[in-house]
Amino acid sequence: MADLNQLKKPSRKGEPPTLTSNANNLAKPAATGANVPLQLKVSPEVRRDFHSYAVGRDLAANALFQEVWEFYKANHG
């Protein structure tokens, strides 16, 4: 009969982290001011219209979105 202990593959994951090394993993990192992606699904026509509106006013799409969002919050609070 085969010895089952010899058939086990060794673990390649390594040792688990100590309790002190991951104790602060739920804290929110400080804001860096960097932009992060926001993914939305819109129709190709809306996307084209939005981008052409931004280009026509010499704005980046993210700057236009921020203006629209601030306007919406101010008027629909």
N, C-alpha and C. Protein backbone atom coordinates (compact mmCIF):
# COMPACT_ATOMS: atom_id res chain seq x y z
N MET A 1 0.84 -1.17 0.00
CA MET A 1 0.00 0.00 0.00
C MET A 1 0.89 1.24 0.00
N ALA A 2 0.46 2.28 -0.73
CA ALA A 2 1.25 3.51 -0.86
C ALA A 2 1.09 4.36 0.39
N ASP A 3 2.19 5.04 0.76
CA ASP A 3 2.16 5.95 1.90
C ASP A 3 1.62 7.30 1.42
N LEU A 4 0.44 7.74 1.91
CA LEU A 4 -0.21 8.96 1.44
C LEU A 4 0.58 10.22 1.79
N ASN A 5 1.36 10.19 2.84
CA ASN A 5 2.16 11.36 3.20
C ASN A 5 3.20 11.68 2.13
N GLN A 6 3.64 10.71 1.41
CA GLN A 6 4.63 10.93 0.37
C GLN A 6 3.99 11.49 -0.91
N LEU A 7 2.67 11.35 -1.06
CA LEU A 7 1.99 11.81 -2.26
C LEU A 7 1.57 13.28 -2.19
N LYS A 8 1.56 13.89 -1.01
CA LYS A 8 1.14 15.28 -0.88
C LYS A 8 2.16 16.21 -1.51
N LYS A 9 1.65 17.23 -2.22
CA LYS A 9 2.55 18.23 -2.77
C LYS A 9 2.88 19.25 -1.68
N PRO A 10 4.09 19.72 -1.65
CA PRO A 10 4.43 20.72 -0.64
C PRO A 10 3.73 22.05 -0.95
N SER A 11 3.41 22.81 0.06
CA SER A 11 2.77 24.11 -0.12
C SER A 11 3.77 25.11 -0.66
N ARG A 12 3.37 25.86 -1.69
CA ARG A 12 4.25 26.87 -2.26
C ARG A 12 3.83 28.27 -1.84
N LYS A 13 2.89 28.37 -0.93
CA LYS A 13 2.39 29.67 -0.52
C LYS A 13 3.28 30.35 0.52
N GLY A 14 4.09 29.63 1.19
CA GLY A 14 4.92 30.21 2.22
C GLY A 14 4.17 30.33 3.54
N GLU A 15 4.81 30.97 4.48
CA GLU A 15 4.22 31.14 5.80
C GLU A 15 3.15 32.23 5.77
N PRO A 16 2.10 32.09 6.57
CA PRO A 16 1.10 33.15 6.62
C PRO A 16 1.68 34.40 7.29
N PRO A 17 1.13 35.57 7.01
CA PRO A 17 1.66 36.78 7.63
C PRO A 17 1.40 36.79 9.13
N THR A 18 2.26 37.47 9.84
CA THR A 18 2.06 37.57 11.28
C THR A 18 0.90 38.52 11.55
N LEU A 19 0.34 38.47 12.73
CA LEU A 19 -0.81 39.30 13.06
C LEU A 19 -0.46 40.79 13.04
N THR A 20 0.77 41.13 13.35
CA THR A 20 1.14 42.54 13.37
C THR A 20 1.38 43.08 11.96
N SER A 21 1.71 42.24 10.99
CA SER A 21 2.02 42.74 9.66
C SER A 21 0.77 43.10 8.87
N ASN A 22 -0.38 42.57 9.23
CA ASN A 22 -1.60 42.91 8.49
C ASN A 22 -2.67 43.51 9.39
N ALA A 23 -2.31 44.01 10.54
CA ALA A 23 -3.29 44.56 11.47
C ALA A 23 -3.90 45.86 10.97
N ASN A 24 -3.20 46.60 10.13
CA ASN A 24 -3.69 47.89 9.68
C ASN A 24 -4.10 47.85 8.20
N ASN A 25 -4.58 46.71 7.72
CA ASN A 25 -4.89 46.60 6.30
C ASN A 25 -6.27 47.14 5.93
N LEU A 26 -7.06 47.59 6.89
CA LEU A 26 -8.37 48.13 6.58
C LEU A 26 -8.41 49.66 6.65
N ALA A 27 -7.30 50.28 7.00
CA ALA A 27 -7.26 51.73 7.09
C ALA A 27 -7.25 52.32 5.68
N LYS A 28 -7.99 53.39 5.50
CA LYS A 28 -8.05 54.05 4.21
C LYS A 28 -6.76 54.83 4.00
N PRO A 29 -6.10 54.66 2.85
CA PRO A 29 -4.87 55.40 2.62
C PRO A 29 -5.16 56.89 2.43
N ALA A 30 -4.17 57.70 2.69
CA ALA A 30 -4.33 59.15 2.53
C ALA A 30 -4.58 59.48 1.06
N ALA A 31 -5.40 60.48 0.85
CA ALA A 31 -5.71 60.90 -0.52
C ALA A 31 -4.47 61.49 -1.17
N THR A 32 -4.20 61.07 -2.39
CA THR A 32 -3.02 61.56 -3.10
C THR A 32 -3.37 62.62 -4.12
N GLY A 33 -4.63 62.81 -4.40
CA GLY A 33 -5.03 63.78 -5.40
C GLY A 33 -4.96 63.23 -6.82
N ALA A 34 -4.54 61.99 -6.96
CA ALA A 34 -4.45 61.38 -8.28
C ALA A 34 -5.84 60.95 -8.74
N ASN A 35 -6.05 60.99 -10.03
CA ASN A 35 -7.32 60.54 -10.60
C ASN A 35 -7.36 59.03 -10.65
N VAL A 36 -8.54 58.49 -10.45
CA VAL A 36 -8.77 57.05 -10.55
C VAL A 36 -9.86 56.81 -11.58
N PRO A 37 -9.88 55.66 -12.22
CA PRO A 37 -10.87 55.41 -13.27
C PRO A 37 -12.29 55.24 -12.71
N LEU A 38 -13.25 55.72 -13.48
CA LEU A 38 -14.67 55.53 -13.20
C LEU A 38 -15.26 54.97 -14.48
N GLN A 39 -15.69 53.74 -14.45
CA GLN A 39 -16.16 53.11 -15.68
C GLN A 39 -17.68 53.12 -15.72
N LEU A 40 -18.20 53.65 -16.82
CA LEU A 40 -19.62 53.71 -17.05
C LEU A 40 -19.92 53.12 -18.42
N LYS A 41 -21.07 52.50 -18.54
CA LYS A 41 -21.49 51.99 -19.84
C LYS A 41 -22.57 52.92 -20.38
N VAL A 42 -22.28 53.55 -21.50
CA VAL A 42 -23.22 54.43 -22.18
C VAL A 42 -23.27 54.03 -23.64
N SER A 43 -24.27 54.51 -24.32
CA SER A 43 -24.37 54.19 -25.74
C SER A 43 -23.25 54.90 -26.50
N PRO A 44 -22.88 54.38 -27.66
CA PRO A 44 -21.83 55.04 -28.46
C PRO A 44 -22.19 56.47 -28.84
N GLU A 45 -23.49 56.72 -29.04
CA GLU A 45 -23.92 58.07 -29.40
C GLU A 45 -23.69 59.05 -28.25
N VAL A 46 -24.01 58.63 -27.02
CA VAL A 46 -23.81 59.50 -25.85
C VAL A 46 -22.33 59.74 -25.64
N ARG A 47 -21.53 58.71 -25.79
CA ARG A 47 -20.08 58.86 -25.62
C ARG A 47 -19.53 59.85 -26.65
N ARG A 48 -19.92 59.67 -27.90
CA ARG A 48 -19.45 60.55 -28.97
C ARG A 48 -19.89 61.99 -28.71
N ASP A 49 -21.13 62.18 -28.32
CA ASP A 49 -21.65 63.51 -28.04
C ASP A 49 -20.92 64.16 -26.86
N PHE A 50 -20.70 63.39 -25.80
CA PHE A 50 -20.00 63.90 -24.61
C PHE A 50 -18.59 64.35 -24.97
N HIS A 51 -17.87 63.50 -25.68
CA HIS A 51 -16.48 63.83 -26.04
C HIS A 51 -16.43 65.01 -27.02
N SER A 52 -17.34 65.06 -27.96
CA SER A 52 -17.31 66.19 -28.90
C SER A 52 -17.68 67.49 -28.19
N TYR A 53 -18.57 67.43 -27.21
CA TYR A 53 -18.92 68.62 -26.42
C TYR A 53 -17.69 69.10 -25.65
N ALA A 54 -16.95 68.16 -25.04
CA ALA A 54 -15.75 68.52 -24.28
C ALA A 54 -14.69 69.12 -25.20
N VAL A 55 -14.46 68.50 -26.33
CA VAL A 55 -13.44 68.98 -27.28
C VAL A 55 -13.83 70.36 -27.81
N GLY A 56 -15.10 70.57 -28.07
CA GLY A 56 -15.57 71.85 -28.57
C GLY A 56 -15.36 72.99 -27.59
N ARG A 57 -15.20 72.68 -26.31
CA ARG A 57 -14.99 73.70 -25.29
C ARG A 57 -13.59 73.63 -24.71
N ASP A 58 -12.71 72.90 -25.39
CA ASP A 58 -11.31 72.75 -24.98
C ASP A 58 -11.18 72.22 -23.56
N LEU A 59 -11.99 71.21 -23.23
CA LEU A 59 -11.97 70.56 -21.93
C LEU A 59 -11.61 69.10 -22.08
N ALA A 60 -10.95 68.56 -21.08
CA ALA A 60 -10.76 67.11 -21.02
C ALA A 60 -12.08 66.49 -20.57
N ALA A 61 -12.32 65.26 -20.94
CA ALA A 61 -13.58 64.60 -20.59
C ALA A 61 -13.75 64.51 -19.08
N ASN A 62 -12.66 64.27 -18.35
CA ASN A 62 -12.79 64.17 -16.90
C ASN A 62 -13.12 65.52 -16.27
N ALA A 63 -12.59 66.62 -16.83
CA ALA A 63 -12.91 67.95 -16.32
C ALA A 63 -14.38 68.28 -16.57
N LEU A 64 -14.88 67.92 -17.75
CA LEU A 64 -16.30 68.14 -18.05
C LEU A 64 -17.17 67.32 -17.12
N PHE A 65 -16.80 66.07 -16.89
CA PHE A 65 -17.59 65.24 -15.99
C PHE A 65 -17.61 65.83 -14.59
N GLN A 66 -16.48 66.34 -14.10
CA GLN A 66 -16.45 66.94 -12.77
C GLN A 66 -17.35 68.16 -12.69
N GLU A 67 -17.35 68.99 -13.74
CA GLU A 67 -18.24 70.15 -13.77
C GLU A 67 -19.70 69.72 -13.75
N VAL A 68 -20.03 68.73 -14.57
CA VAL A 68 -21.41 68.23 -14.63
C VAL A 68 -21.82 67.67 -13.28
N TRP A 69 -20.95 66.92 -12.64
CA TRP A 69 -21.26 66.29 -11.36
C TRP A 69 -21.48 67.35 -10.27
N GLU A 70 -20.62 68.38 -10.23
CA GLU A 70 -20.78 69.45 -9.25
C GLU A 70 -22.09 70.20 -9.48
N PHE A 71 -22.41 70.47 -10.73
CA PHE A 71 -23.68 71.13 -11.05
C PHE A 71 -24.86 70.27 -10.60
N TYR A 72 -24.80 68.98 -10.87
CA TYR A 72 -25.89 68.08 -10.50
C TYR A 72 -26.07 68.04 -8.98
N LYS A 73 -24.96 67.93 -8.25
CA LYS A 73 -25.08 67.88 -6.78
C LYS A 73 -25.64 69.19 -6.23
N ALA A 74 -25.22 70.32 -6.81
CA ALA A 74 -25.70 71.61 -6.32
C ALA A 74 -27.19 71.80 -6.59
N ASN A 75 -27.69 71.25 -7.68
CA ASN A 75 -29.08 71.47 -8.07
C ASN A 75 -30.03 70.33 -7.71
N HIS A 76 -29.48 69.19 -7.34
CA HIS A 76 -30.33 68.06 -6.99
C HIS A 76 -30.00 67.50 -5.62
N GLY A 77 -29.19 68.22 -4.85
CA GLY A 77 -28.72 67.90 -3.52
C GLY A 77 -29.37 66.80 -2.86
